[in-house]
N, C-alpha and C. Protein backbone atom coordinates (compact mmCIF):
# COMPACT_ATOMS: atom_id res chain seq x y z
N UNK A 1 97.65 99.82 104.07
CA UNK A 1 97.93 99.91 102.53
C UNK A 1 97.72 101.23 102.13
N UNK A 2 96.96 102.36 102.77
CA UNK A 2 96.25 103.05 102.44
C UNK A 2 96.93 104.44 102.30
N UNK A 3 97.87 104.32 103.91
CA UNK A 3 98.68 105.08 103.13
C UNK A 3 100.29 105.08 102.32
N UNK A 4 100.46 103.93 102.70
CA UNK A 4 101.11 104.00 100.95
C UNK A 4 100.82 104.83 99.81
N UNK A 5 99.39 104.56 99.51
CA UNK A 5 98.53 105.31 98.40
C UNK A 5 99.03 106.48 98.20
N UNK A 6 98.96 107.01 99.95
CA UNK A 6 98.66 108.18 99.51
C UNK A 6 99.93 109.02 100.04
N UNK A 7 101.08 108.16 100.00
CA UNK A 7 102.83 108.39 99.75
C UNK A 7 102.62 108.36 98.34
N UNK A 8 102.69 107.67 97.70
CA UNK A 8 102.61 107.48 96.41
C UNK A 8 101.98 108.54 95.76
N UNK A 9 101.02 108.92 95.79
CA UNK A 9 100.20 110.17 95.32
C UNK A 9 101.39 111.45 95.36
N UNK A 10 101.91 111.78 96.46
CA UNK A 10 102.40 112.80 96.73
C UNK A 10 103.63 112.92 96.49
N UNK A 11 104.56 111.68 96.31
CA UNK A 11 105.69 111.60 95.48
C UNK A 11 105.48 111.77 94.33
N UNK A 12 103.86 111.45 94.18
CA UNK A 12 103.95 111.85 92.09
C UNK A 12 103.67 113.55 91.75
N UNK A 13 102.90 113.91 93.10
CA UNK A 13 102.78 115.56 92.72
C UNK A 13 103.71 115.88 92.91
N UNK A 14 105.22 115.33 94.03
CA UNK A 14 106.13 116.11 94.07
C UNK A 14 106.98 116.03 92.85
N UNK A 15 107.28 115.38 92.37
CA UNK A 15 107.92 115.54 90.82
C UNK A 15 107.25 115.75 89.34
N UNK A 16 106.24 115.71 89.89
CA UNK A 16 105.90 117.06 88.57
C UNK A 16 105.16 117.71 88.55
N UNK A 17 105.17 118.88 89.75
CA UNK A 17 105.10 120.43 90.55
C UNK A 17 106.43 120.95 90.57
N UNK A 18 107.38 120.59 90.67
CA UNK A 18 108.85 121.25 91.90
C UNK A 18 109.78 120.92 90.37
N UNK A 19 109.53 122.90 90.18
CA UNK A 19 110.68 123.64 89.36
C UNK A 19 111.35 123.73 89.20
N UNK A 20 111.47 124.59 90.72
CA UNK A 20 112.50 125.23 91.16
C UNK A 20 112.80 124.71 92.40
N UNK A 21 113.36 125.19 93.83
CA UNK A 21 113.86 124.90 94.53
C UNK A 21 112.80 125.35 95.63
N UNK A 22 112.79 126.76 95.39
CA UNK A 22 110.82 127.38 96.19
C UNK A 22 110.26 125.94 95.98
N UNK A 23 109.81 125.91 94.64
CA UNK A 23 108.65 124.78 94.69
C UNK A 23 108.55 123.98 95.19
N UNK A 24 110.42 123.20 94.85
CA UNK A 24 110.04 121.95 96.07
C UNK A 24 109.64 122.25 97.51
N UNK A 25 110.36 122.96 97.91
CA UNK A 25 109.75 123.14 99.36
C UNK A 25 108.69 123.20 99.58
N UNK A 26 107.66 124.05 99.12
CA UNK A 26 106.05 123.98 99.39
C UNK A 26 105.45 122.78 98.76
N UNK A 27 105.83 121.97 97.23
CA UNK A 27 105.43 120.82 96.92
C UNK A 27 106.03 119.66 98.67
N UNK A 28 106.82 119.48 99.20
CA UNK A 28 107.61 118.75 100.25
C UNK A 28 106.16 119.46 101.46
N UNK A 29 106.46 120.61 101.86
CA UNK A 29 104.96 120.98 102.80
C UNK A 29 103.61 120.65 102.13
N UNK A 30 103.53 120.82 101.17
CA UNK A 30 102.32 120.24 100.71
C UNK A 30 101.79 118.93 100.99
N UNK A 31 103.07 118.02 100.46
CA UNK A 31 102.48 116.36 101.10
C UNK A 31 103.21 116.03 102.26
N UNK A 32 103.40 116.91 103.38
CA UNK A 32 103.28 116.63 104.37
C UNK A 32 102.15 116.73 105.12
N UNK A 33 101.22 117.75 104.58
CA UNK A 33 99.86 118.18 104.89
C UNK A 33 98.66 117.25 104.82
N UNK A 34 99.80 116.56 103.66
CA UNK A 34 98.39 115.14 102.76
C UNK A 34 98.88 113.64 103.34
N UNK A 35 99.67 113.57 104.01
CA UNK A 35 100.21 112.65 104.72
C UNK A 35 99.25 112.69 105.64
N UNK A 36 99.31 114.07 106.67
CA UNK A 36 98.66 113.80 108.12
C UNK A 36 97.21 114.05 108.30
N UNK A 37 96.93 114.71 106.77
CA UNK A 37 94.97 114.10 107.02
C UNK A 37 94.66 112.59 106.56
N UNK A 38 96.21 112.01 105.53
CA UNK A 38 95.86 110.64 105.40
C UNK A 38 95.55 109.59 106.87
N UNK A 39 97.05 109.53 107.57
CA UNK A 39 96.36 109.17 108.59
C UNK A 39 96.19 109.37 109.33
N UNK A 40 94.66 110.66 109.99
CA UNK A 40 93.57 111.02 110.83
C UNK A 40 92.39 110.08 109.85
C-alpha cells in the first residue's frame, strides 16, 4: 500500500508540474527517484 501511495503522489506531481516536454522529462526522472526512495 505504501508503494501505491507513493506512486499516486508522483503521478499527481507529474500532472501538476509538466508544462513543457523538457519539464515532463525532469518530472519523470524525479518521479523515478521518489519511487526508488519509497521502495528502500
